[in-house]
Amino acid sequence: MPVTDDPSARPPLDASRLAAADLGRVEVVAEAASTNALVADRARVGEPEGLVVVAEHQTSGRGRLDRTWQTPDRAALTFSVLLRPKAAPAAWPWLPLLAGYAVGRALEEVGLRAGLKWPNDVLLDDLKVAGILTELVETPDGPAAVVGIGLNVSTTAEELPVDTATSLALAGATGLDRTDLLATLLRTLHTEYAAWQAGNGAELRAAYTRACVSLGRQVRVDLPSGEVLSGTAVGIDPDGRLRVRTGTGEVSVGAGDVVHARATGEA
């Protein structure tokens, strides 16, 4: 679809096609403050795994470090998926990385070469095209995970919230059908999730490591505590944490906001 502000060039998602695509329970809503909040509420009242809620217009999406953002009507794919993993809780930190990897894989299917900034930002030419927020929800049936994904599709440069972001259209992928793209994203996510559930954690780690463009680069990590860690990103440990080599040794980071500096050639 072309880069334009004309709403007629941004057709709505086709709920009937999504229903016929064997993707599970996919609900499309015209507007939502946060699809993660909607799915979390459903999880708390016993909704089983597999629910997907998609908002054509999200007005108060949540990101890392309590950031909020919104998407123009029908310009993006903003959706949340309810998961109830059977994997041990110690493995759950891999879920956001898995989701980012799945989005990157799906974009490859439409001819785009995406990279991953740890933990789960999806980049095109070092600009962010998709973000992911995974939240743990306590429910009467045990803990659940809500995976929220926001992918800029036809968003214009003027509509982007920051100059470090991009969209598929701005990257040259015009004429995309959002319904088909959402189906591809969900199928890829289901495939990667099923493989991880089956115990293929080592394969996910290897595949994620190959796709992670943070590795070998000088990075600054803004930690949740407010501290800042600087060094070279050198690997992903078995728990999905980013290994950063600093002047005083190597540190594994489980949460933080990464800013890339220059490439160093290290892997």
C-alpha atoms as a PDB file:
ATOM      1  CA  MET A   1       0.000   0.000   0.000  1.00  0.00           C
ATOM      2  CA  PRO A   2       1.382   3.402  -0.885  1.00  0.00           C
ATOM      3  CA  VAL A   3       2.588   5.990   1.582  1.00  0.00           C
ATOM      4  CA  THR A   4      -0.391   8.319   1.821  1.00  0.00           C
ATOM      5  CA  ASP A   5      -2.704   9.982   4.306  1.00  0.00           C
ATOM      6  CA  ASP A   6      -5.750   9.081   2.201  1.00  0.00           C
ATOM      7  CA  PRO A   7      -7.888   6.739   4.394  1.00  0.00           C
ATOM      8  CA  SER A   8      -9.315   5.103   1.269  1.00  0.00           C
ATOM      9  CA  ALA A   9      -5.816   3.741   0.572  1.00  0.00           C
ATOM     10  CA  ARG A  10      -5.834   2.024   3.957  1.00  0.00           C
ATOM     11  CA  PRO A  11      -8.540  -0.626   3.751  1.00  0.00           C
ATOM     12  CA  PRO A  12      -9.699  -2.300   6.963  1.00  0.00           C
ATOM     13  CA  LEU A  13      -8.647  -5.775   7.962  1.00  0.00           C
ATOM     14  CA  ASP A  14     -10.867  -8.484   6.499  1.00  0.00           C
ATOM     15  CA  ALA A  15     -12.232 -10.324   9.545  1.00  0.00           C
ATOM     16  CA  SER A  16     -13.947 -12.973   7.400  1.00  0.00           C
ATOM     17  CA  ARG A  17     -10.676 -13.911   5.698  1.00  0.00           C
ATOM     18  CA  LEU A  18      -8.913 -14.064   9.037  1.00  0.00           C
ATOM     19  CA  ALA A  19     -11.659 -16.326  10.409  1.00  0.00           C
ATOM     20  CA  ALA A  20     -11.273 -18.673   7.436  1.00  0.00           C
ATOM     21  CA  ALA A  21      -7.491 -18.832   7.737  1.00  0.00           C
ATOM     22  CA  ASP A  22      -7.375 -21.260  10.685  1.00  0.00           C
ATOM     23  CA  LEU A  23      -5.476 -18.834  12.909  1.00  0.00           C
ATOM     24  CA  GLY A  24      -7.441 -19.387  16.117  1.00  0.00           C
ATOM     25  CA  ARG A  25      -9.677 -16.782  17.726  1.00  0.00           C
ATOM     26  CA  VAL A  26      -8.840 -13.498  16.013  1.00  0.00           C
ATOM     27  CA  GLU A  27     -10.961 -10.505  17.032  1.00  0.00           C
ATOM     28  CA  VAL A  28     -10.693  -7.194  15.191  1.00  0.00           C
ATOM     29  CA  VAL A  29     -11.767  -4.029  17.002  1.00  0.00           C
ATOM     30  CA  ALA A  30     -12.003  -0.553  15.471  1.00  0.00           C
ATOM     31  CA  GLU A  31     -10.218   1.180  18.341  1.00  0.00           C
ATOM     32  CA  ALA A  32      -8.585   0.277  21.641  1.00  0.00           C
ATOM     33  CA  ALA A  33      -6.493   2.077  24.188  1.00  0.00           C
ATOM     34  CA  SER A  34      -4.256  -0.999  24.487  1.00  0.00           C
ATOM     35  CA  THR A  35      -4.736  -4.462  23.015  1.00  0.00           C
ATOM     36  CA  ASN A  36      -2.472  -5.837  25.747  1.00  0.00           C
ATOM     37  CA  ALA A  37      -4.890  -4.516  28.373  1.00  0.00           C
ATOM     38  CA  LEU A  38      -7.885  -6.036  26.571  1.00  0.00           C
ATOM     39  CA  VAL A  39      -6.248  -9.453  26.327  1.00  0.00           C
ATOM     40  CA  ALA A  40      -4.980  -9.319  29.915  1.00  0.00           C
ATOM     41  CA  ASP A  41      -8.537  -8.680  31.135  1.00  0.00           C
ATOM     42  CA  ARG A  42      -9.762 -11.673  29.153  1.00  0.00           C
ATOM     43  CA  ALA A  43      -6.960 -13.842  30.545  1.00  0.00           C
ATOM     44  CA  ARG A  44      -7.980 -12.976  34.107  1.00  0.00           C
ATOM     45  CA  VAL A  45     -11.475 -14.352  33.531  1.00  0.00           C
ATOM     46  CA  GLY A  46     -10.249 -17.648  32.112  1.00  0.00           C
ATOM     47  CA  GLU A  47      -9.779 -17.068  28.376  1.00  0.00           C
ATOM     48  CA  PRO A  48      -7.768 -20.010  26.984  1.00  0.00           C
ATOM     49  CA  GLU A  49      -4.550 -19.714  25.044  1.00  0.00           C
ATOM     50  CA  GLY A  50      -4.684 -18.484  21.468  1.00  0.00           C
ATOM     51  CA  LEU A  51      -6.857 -15.377  21.627  1.00  0.00           C
ATOM     52  CA  VAL A  52      -5.673 -12.583  19.316  1.00  0.00           C
ATOM     53  CA  VAL A  53      -7.097  -9.057  19.537  1.00  0.00           C
ATOM     54  CA  VAL A  54      -6.224  -6.623  16.744  1.00  0.00           C
ATOM     55  CA  ALA A  55      -6.962  -2.889  16.903  1.00  0.00           C
ATOM     56  CA  GLU A  56      -7.247  -0.842  13.725  1.00  0.00           C
ATOM     57  CA  HIS A  57      -6.441   2.253  15.798  1.00  0.00           C
ATOM     58  CA  GLN A  58      -4.573   2.002  19.102  1.00  0.00           C
ATOM     59  CA  THR A  59      -4.640   5.160  21.182  1.00  0.00           C
ATOM     60  CA  SER A  60      -2.529   4.368  24.270  1.00  0.00           C
ATOM     61  CA  GLY A  61      -0.238   1.482  23.489  1.00  0.00           C
ATOM     62  CA  ARG A  62       2.344   0.627  26.130  1.00  0.00           C
ATOM     63  CA  GLY A  63       6.028   0.093  25.554  1.00  0.00           C
ATOM     64  CA  ARG A  64       9.131  -0.487  27.629  1.00  0.00           C
ATOM     65  CA  LEU A  65       9.918   1.946  30.448  1.00  0.00           C
ATOM     66  CA  ASP A  66       6.217   2.944  30.600  1.00  0.00           C
ATOM     67  CA  ARG A  67       6.303   4.720  27.232  1.00  0.00           C
ATOM     68  CA  THR A  68       2.970   5.241  25.479  1.00  0.00           C
ATOM     69  CA  TRP A  69       2.287   5.540  21.768  1.00  0.00           C
ATOM     70  CA  GLN A  70      -0.577   5.480  19.286  1.00  0.00           C
ATOM     71  CA  THR A  71      -1.026   4.292  15.729  1.00  0.00           C
ATOM     72  CA  PRO A  72      -2.871   6.085  12.928  1.00  0.00           C
ATOM     73  CA  ASP A  73      -6.075   4.365  11.874  1.00  0.00           C
ATOM     74  CA  ARG A  74      -5.360   1.311   9.674  1.00  0.00           C
ATOM     75  CA  ALA A  75      -1.721   2.287   9.138  1.00  0.00           C
ATOM     76  CA  ALA A  76      -0.211  -0.529  11.219  1.00  0.00           C
ATOM     77  CA  LEU A  77      -0.778  -3.962  12.656  1.00  0.00           C
ATOM     78  CA  THR A  78      -1.274  -3.639  16.410  1.00  0.00           C
ATOM     79  CA  PHE A  79      -2.318  -6.836  18.127  1.00  0.00           C
ATOM     80  CA  SER A  80      -1.886  -8.948  21.240  1.00  0.00           C
ATOM     81  CA  VAL A  81      -1.753 -12.712  21.640  1.00  0.00           C
ATOM     82  CA  LEU A  82      -2.633 -14.694  24.758  1.00  0.00           C
ATOM     83  CA  LEU A  83      -0.232 -17.530  25.575  1.00  0.00           C
ATOM     84  CA  ARG A  84      -0.235 -20.008  28.436  1.00  0.00           C
ATOM     85  CA  PRO A  85       3.176 -21.674  28.078  1.00  0.00           C
ATOM     86  CA  LYS A  86       3.765 -25.130  29.477  1.00  0.00           C
ATOM     87  CA  ALA A  87       7.485 -24.444  29.546  1.00  0.00           C
ATOM     88  CA  ALA A  88       9.120 -23.891  32.922  1.00  0.00           C
ATOM     89  CA  PRO A  89       8.765 -20.304  34.190  1.00  0.00           C
ATOM     90  CA  ALA A  90      12.546 -19.939  34.074  1.00  0.00           C
ATOM     91  CA  ALA A  91      12.295 -20.157  30.257  1.00  0.00           C
ATOM     92  CA  TRP A  92       9.586 -17.490  29.888  1.00  0.00           C
ATOM     93  CA  PRO A  93      12.061 -14.596  29.428  1.00  0.00           C
ATOM     94  CA  TRP A  94      12.627 -16.070  25.968  1.00  0.00           C
ATOM     95  CA  LEU A  95       9.062 -15.176  24.904  1.00  0.00           C
ATOM     96  CA  PRO A  96       9.762 -11.560  23.848  1.00  0.00           C
ATOM     97  CA  LEU A  97      12.865 -12.653  21.954  1.00  0.00           C
ATOM     98  CA  LEU A  98      10.871 -15.422  20.290  1.00  0.00           C
ATOM     99  CA  ALA A  99       8.201 -12.930  19.238  1.00  0.00           C
ATOM    100  CA  GLY A 100      10.747 -10.542  17.752  1.00  0.00           C
ATOM    101  CA  TYR A 101      12.414 -13.373  15.872  1.00  0.00           C
ATOM    102  CA  ALA A 102       9.039 -14.527  14.522  1.00  0.00           C
ATOM    103  CA  VAL A 103       8.223 -11.039  13.228  1.00  0.00           C
ATOM    104  CA  GLY A 104      11.597 -10.879  11.502  1.00  0.00           C
ATOM    105  CA  ARG A 105      10.986 -14.279   9.903  1.00  0.00           C
ATOM    106  CA  ALA A 106       7.568 -13.156   8.679  1.00  0.00           C
ATOM    107  CA  LEU A 107       9.042 -10.021   7.102  1.00  0.00           C
ATOM    108  CA  GLU A 108      11.540 -12.171   5.234  1.00  0.00           C
ATOM    109  CA  GLU A 109       8.574 -13.899   3.602  1.00  0.00           C
ATOM    110  CA  VAL A 110       7.541 -10.589   2.019  1.00  0.00           C
ATOM    111  CA  GLY A 111      11.059  -9.891   0.804  1.00  0.00           C
ATOM    112  CA  LEU A 112      12.456  -7.726   3.613  1.00  0.00           C
ATOM    113  CA  ARG A 113      15.680  -8.383   5.490  1.00  0.00           C
ATOM    114  CA  ALA A 114      15.065  -7.506   9.121  1.00  0.00           C
ATOM    115  CA  GLY A 115      17.453  -7.410  12.051  1.00  0.00           C
ATOM    116  CA  LEU A 116      16.776  -7.660  15.774  1.00  0.00           C
ATOM    117  CA  LYS A 117      17.923  -5.171  18.383  1.00  0.00           C
ATOM    118  CA  TRP A 118      18.018  -6.947  21.724  1.00  0.00           C
ATOM    119  CA  PRO A 119      15.658  -7.898  23.141  1.00  0.00           C
ATOM    120  CA  ASN A 120      12.878  -7.621  20.579  1.00  0.00           C
ATOM    121  CA  ASP A 121      12.883  -4.475  18.451  1.00  0.00           C
ATOM    122  CA  VAL A 122      12.642  -5.352  14.759  1.00  0.00           C
ATOM    123  CA  LEU A 123      14.776  -3.136  12.521  1.00  0.00           C
ATOM    124  CA  LEU A 124      14.963  -2.334   8.822  1.00  0.00           C
ATOM    125  CA  ASP A 125      18.174  -0.509   7.877  1.00  0.00           C
ATOM    126  CA  ASP A 126      18.769   0.107  11.596  1.00  0.00           C
ATOM    127  CA  LEU A 127      15.395   1.857  11.995  1.00  0.00           C
ATOM    128  CA  LYS A 128      12.653   0.397  14.191  1.00  0.00           C
ATOM    129  CA  VAL A 129       9.706  -1.005  12.245  1.00  0.00           C
ATOM    130  CA  ALA A 130       8.153  -3.142  14.994  1.00  0.00           C
ATOM    131  CA  GLY A 131       8.128  -3.237  18.777  1.00  0.00           C
ATOM    132  CA  ILE A 132       6.986  -5.885  21.209  1.00  0.00           C
ATOM    133  CA  LEU A 133       5.820  -5.787  24.809  1.00  0.00           C
ATOM    134  CA  THR A 134       5.328  -9.060  26.683  1.00  0.00           C
ATOM    135  CA  GLU A 135       3.513  -8.957  30.009  1.00  0.00           C
ATOM    136  CA  LEU A 136       2.986 -11.619  32.679  1.00  0.00           C
ATOM    137  CA  VAL A 137      -0.601 -11.878  33.910  1.00  0.00           C
ATOM    138  CA  GLU A 138      -1.707 -13.820  36.988  1.00  0.00           C
ATOM    139  CA  THR A 139      -4.984 -15.648  36.391  1.00  0.00           C
ATOM    140  CA  PRO A 140      -7.098 -18.202  38.279  1.00  0.00           C
ATOM    141  CA  ASP A 141      -5.748 -20.842  35.873  1.00  0.00           C
ATOM    142  CA  GLY A 142      -2.134 -19.917  36.515  1.00  0.00           C
ATOM    143  CA  PRO A 143       0.188 -17.362  34.951  1.00  0.00           C
ATOM    144  CA  ALA A 144      -0.290 -16.317  31.332  1.00  0.00           C
ATOM    145  CA  ALA A 145       1.704 -14.208  28.923  1.00  0.00           C
ATOM    146  CA  VAL A 146       0.312 -11.433  26.752  1.00  0.00           C
ATOM    147  CA  VAL A 147       2.500 -10.698  23.743  1.00  0.00           C
ATOM    148  CA  GLY A 148       1.754  -7.321  22.158  1.00  0.00           C
ATOM    149  CA  ILE A 149       3.148  -6.525  18.699  1.00  0.00           C
ATOM    150  CA  GLY A 150       3.060  -3.232  16.825  1.00  0.00           C
ATOM    151  CA  LEU A 151       4.247  -3.200  13.204  1.00  0.00           C
ATOM    152  CA  ASN A 152       4.277  -0.018  11.122  1.00  0.00           C
ATOM    153  CA  VAL A 153       2.879  -0.848   7.679  1.00  0.00           C
ATOM    154  CA  SER A 154       1.877   2.274   5.718  1.00  0.00           C
ATOM    155  CA  THR A 155       2.831   4.847   8.360  1.00  0.00           C
ATOM    156  CA  THR A 156       4.223   8.022   6.797  1.00  0.00           C
ATOM    157  CA  ALA A 157       7.353   9.815   7.954  1.00  0.00           C
ATOM    158  CA  GLU A 158       5.155  12.575   9.393  1.00  0.00           C
ATOM    159  CA  GLU A 159       3.142  10.043  11.404  1.00  0.00           C
ATOM    160  CA  LEU A 160       6.116   8.309  12.995  1.00  0.00           C
ATOM    161  CA  PRO A 161       6.700   9.265  16.654  1.00  0.00           C
ATOM    162  CA  VAL A 162      10.518   9.416  16.386  1.00  0.00           C
ATOM    163  CA  ASP A 163      13.072   9.751  13.615  1.00  0.00           C
ATOM    164  CA  THR A 164      14.607   6.400  14.525  1.00  0.00           C
ATOM    165  CA  ALA A 165      11.473   4.572  13.342  1.00  0.00           C
ATOM    166  CA  THR A 166      10.299   3.497   9.908  1.00  0.00           C
ATOM    167  CA  SER A 167       7.471   1.592   8.234  1.00  0.00           C
ATOM    168  CA  LEU A 168       7.275  -1.155   5.651  1.00  0.00           C
ATOM    169  CA  ALA A 169       6.088   1.367   3.058  1.00  0.00           C
ATOM    170  CA  LEU A 170       8.957   3.746   3.793  1.00  0.00           C
ATOM    171  CA  ALA A 171      11.338   0.792   3.418  1.00  0.00           C
ATOM    172  CA  GLY A 172       9.949   0.182  -0.075  1.00  0.00           C
ATOM    173  CA  ALA A 173       7.399  -2.559   0.651  1.00  0.00           C
ATOM    174  CA  THR A 174       4.317  -0.975  -0.903  1.00  0.00           C
ATOM    175  CA  GLY A 175       1.142  -2.721  -1.981  1.00  0.00           C
ATOM    176  CA  LEU A 176       1.063  -5.038   1.034  1.00  0.00           C
ATOM    177  CA  ASP A 177      -2.285  -6.458   2.114  1.00  0.00           C
ATOM    178  CA  ARG A 178      -2.489  -6.093   5.919  1.00  0.00           C
ATOM    179  CA  THR A 179      -4.843  -9.057   6.240  1.00  0.00           C
ATOM    180  CA  ASP A 180      -2.404 -11.366   4.460  1.00  0.00           C
ATOM    181  CA  LEU A 181       0.499  -9.898   6.407  1.00  0.00           C
ATOM    182  CA  LEU A 182      -1.251 -10.454   9.746  1.00  0.00           C
ATOM    183  CA  ALA A 183      -1.979 -14.067   8.776  1.00  0.00           C
ATOM    184  CA  THR A 184       1.700 -14.573   7.925  1.00  0.00           C
ATOM    185  CA  LEU A 185       2.788 -13.034  11.224  1.00  0.00           C
ATOM    186  CA  LEU A 186       0.448 -15.211  13.270  1.00  0.00           C
ATOM    187  CA  ARG A 187       1.399 -18.420  11.455  1.00  0.00           C
ATOM    188  CA  THR A 188       5.093 -17.707  11.964  1.00  0.00           C
ATOM    189  CA  LEU A 189       4.562 -16.880  15.631  1.00  0.00           C
ATOM    190  CA  HIS A 190       2.564 -20.085  16.138  1.00  0.00           C
ATOM    191  CA  THR A 191       5.301 -22.138  14.442  1.00  0.00           C
ATOM    192  CA  GLU A 192       8.138 -20.678  16.502  1.00  0.00           C
ATOM    193  CA  TYR A 193       6.133 -20.907  19.727  1.00  0.00           C
ATOM    194  CA  ALA A 194       5.279 -24.567  19.103  1.00  0.00           C
ATOM    195  CA  ALA A 195       8.931 -25.393  18.425  1.00  0.00           C
ATOM    196  CA  TRP A 196      10.019 -23.612  21.611  1.00  0.00           C
ATOM    197  CA  GLN A 197       7.331 -25.417  23.601  1.00  0.00           C
ATOM    198  CA  ALA A 198       8.623 -28.713  22.195  1.00  0.00           C
ATOM    199  CA  GLY A 199      11.998 -28.030  23.758  1.00  0.00           C
ATOM    200  CA  ASN A 200      13.901 -26.432  20.902  1.00  0.00           C
ATOM    201  CA  GLY A 201      15.307 -23.654  23.068  1.00  0.00           C
ATOM    202  CA  ALA A 202      18.864 -24.189  21.852  1.00  0.00           C
ATOM    203  CA  GLU A 203      17.732 -23.816  18.234  1.00  0.00           C
ATOM    204  CA  LEU A 204      15.881 -20.596  19.058  1.00  0.00           C
ATOM    205  CA  ARG A 205      18.955 -19.212  20.805  1.00  0.00           C
ATOM    206  CA  ALA A 206      21.147 -20.014  17.797  1.00  0.00           C
ATOM    207  CA  ALA A 207      18.651 -18.550  15.307  1.00  0.00           C
ATOM    208  CA  TYR A 208      18.085 -15.428  17.400  1.00  0.00           C
ATOM    209  CA  THR A 209      21.829 -14.905  17.780  1.00  0.00           C
ATOM    210  CA  ARG A 210      22.263 -15.007  13.997  1.00  0.00           C
ATOM    211  CA  ALA A 211      19.519 -12.388  13.553  1.00  0.00           C
ATOM    212  CA  CYS A 212      20.571 -10.053  16.386  1.00  0.00           C
ATOM    213  CA  VAL A 213      22.298  -6.970  14.983  1.00  0.00           C
ATOM    214  CA  SER A 214      23.178  -5.734  18.480  1.00  0.00           C
ATOM    215  CA  LEU A 215      26.012  -8.247  18.698  1.00  0.00           C
ATOM    216  CA  GLY A 216      29.457  -6.935  17.900  1.00  0.00           C
ATOM    217  CA  ARG A 217      28.386  -3.352  18.451  1.00  0.00           C
ATOM    218  CA  GLN A 218      29.120  -0.760  21.067  1.00  0.00           C
ATOM    219  CA  VAL A 219      25.921  -0.370  23.081  1.00  0.00           C
ATOM    220  CA  ARG A 220      24.530   1.720  25.880  1.00  0.00           C
ATOM    221  CA  VAL A 221      21.982  -0.102  28.024  1.00  0.00           C
ATOM    222  CA  ASP A 222      19.602   2.013  30.089  1.00  0.00           C
ATOM    223  CA  LEU A 223      18.767  -0.300  32.987  1.00  0.00           C
ATOM    224  CA  PRO A 224      15.412  -0.311  34.833  1.00  0.00           C
ATOM    225  CA  SER A 225      17.250   0.917  37.938  1.00  0.00           C
ATOM    226  CA  GLY A 226      18.234   4.111  36.118  1.00  0.00           C
ATOM    227  CA  GLU A 227      21.861   3.044  35.809  1.00  0.00           C
ATOM    228  CA  VAL A 228      23.601   3.047  32.437  1.00  0.00           C
ATOM    229  CA  LEU A 229      25.826   0.218  31.234  1.00  0.00           C
ATOM    230  CA  SER A 230      28.194   0.734  28.288  1.00  0.00           C
ATOM    231  CA  GLY A 231      30.289  -1.806  26.436  1.00  0.00           C
ATOM    232  CA  THR A 232      30.329  -4.241  23.532  1.00  0.00           C
ATOM    233  CA  ALA A 233      27.422  -6.667  23.062  1.00  0.00           C
ATOM    234  CA  VAL A 234      29.115 -10.036  22.627  1.00  0.00           C
ATOM    235  CA  GLY A 235      26.430 -12.710  22.909  1.00  0.00           C
ATOM    236  CA  ILE A 236      23.117 -14.054  24.156  1.00  0.00           C
ATOM    237  CA  ASP A 237      23.277 -16.317  27.190  1.00  0.00           C
ATOM    238  CA  PRO A 238      21.090 -19.443  27.680  1.00  0.00           C
ATOM    239  CA  ASP A 239      18.490 -17.381  29.567  1.00  0.00           C
ATOM    240  CA  GLY A 240      18.113 -14.869  26.719  1.00  0.00           C
ATOM    241  CA  ARG A 241      20.130 -12.172  28.465  1.00  0.00           C
ATOM    242  CA  LEU A 242      22.458  -9.860  26.545  1.00  0.00           C
ATOM    243  CA  ARG A 243      26.117 -10.349  27.363  1.00  0.00           C
ATOM    244  CA  VAL A 244      27.951  -7.026  27.456  1.00  0.00           C
ATOM    245  CA  ARG A 245      31.730  -6.756  27.752  1.00  0.00           C
ATOM    246  CA  THR A 246      32.657  -3.686  29.781  1.00  0.00           C
ATOM    247  CA  GLY A 247      35.962  -2.283  30.924  1.00  0.00           C
ATOM    248  CA  THR A 248      35.681  -4.260  34.155  1.00  0.00           C
ATOM    249  CA  GLY A 249      34.383  -7.588  32.833  1.00  0.00           C
ATOM    250  CA  GLU A 250      31.378  -9.217  31.239  1.00  0.00           C
ATOM    251  CA  VAL A 251      27.822  -8.583  32.447  1.00  0.00           C
ATOM    252  CA  SER A 252      24.586 -10.374  31.488  1.00  0.00           C
ATOM    253  CA  VAL A 253      21.621  -7.992  31.210  1.00  0.00           C
ATOM    254  CA  GLY A 254      18.075  -9.322  31.582  1.00  0.00           C
ATOM    255  CA  ALA A 255      16.172  -6.079  30.979  1.00  0.00           C
ATOM    256  CA  GLY A 256      17.023  -2.692  29.585  1.00  0.00           C
ATOM    257  CA  ASP A 257      16.739  -0.282  26.692  1.00  0.00           C
ATOM    258  CA  VAL A 258      19.608  -0.715  24.226  1.00  0.00           C
ATOM    259  CA  VAL A 259      21.038   2.107  22.138  1.00  0.00           C
ATOM    260  CA  HIS A 260      23.385   1.103  19.329  1.00  0.00           C
ATOM    261  CA  ALA A 261      26.593   2.971  18.690  1.00  0.00           C
ATOM    262  CA  ARG A 262      29.094   1.962  16.039  1.00  0.00           C
ATOM    263  CA  ALA A 263      29.784  -1.533  14.753  1.00  0.00           C
ATOM    264  CA  THR A 264      33.011  -3.091  16.024  1.00  0.00           C
ATOM    265  CA  GLY A 265      33.254  -6.198  13.874  1.00  0.00           C
ATOM    266  CA  GLU A 266      33.013  -8.521  16.882  1.00  0.00           C
ATOM    267  CA  ALA A 267      30.394 -11.289  16.936  1.00  0.00           C
END
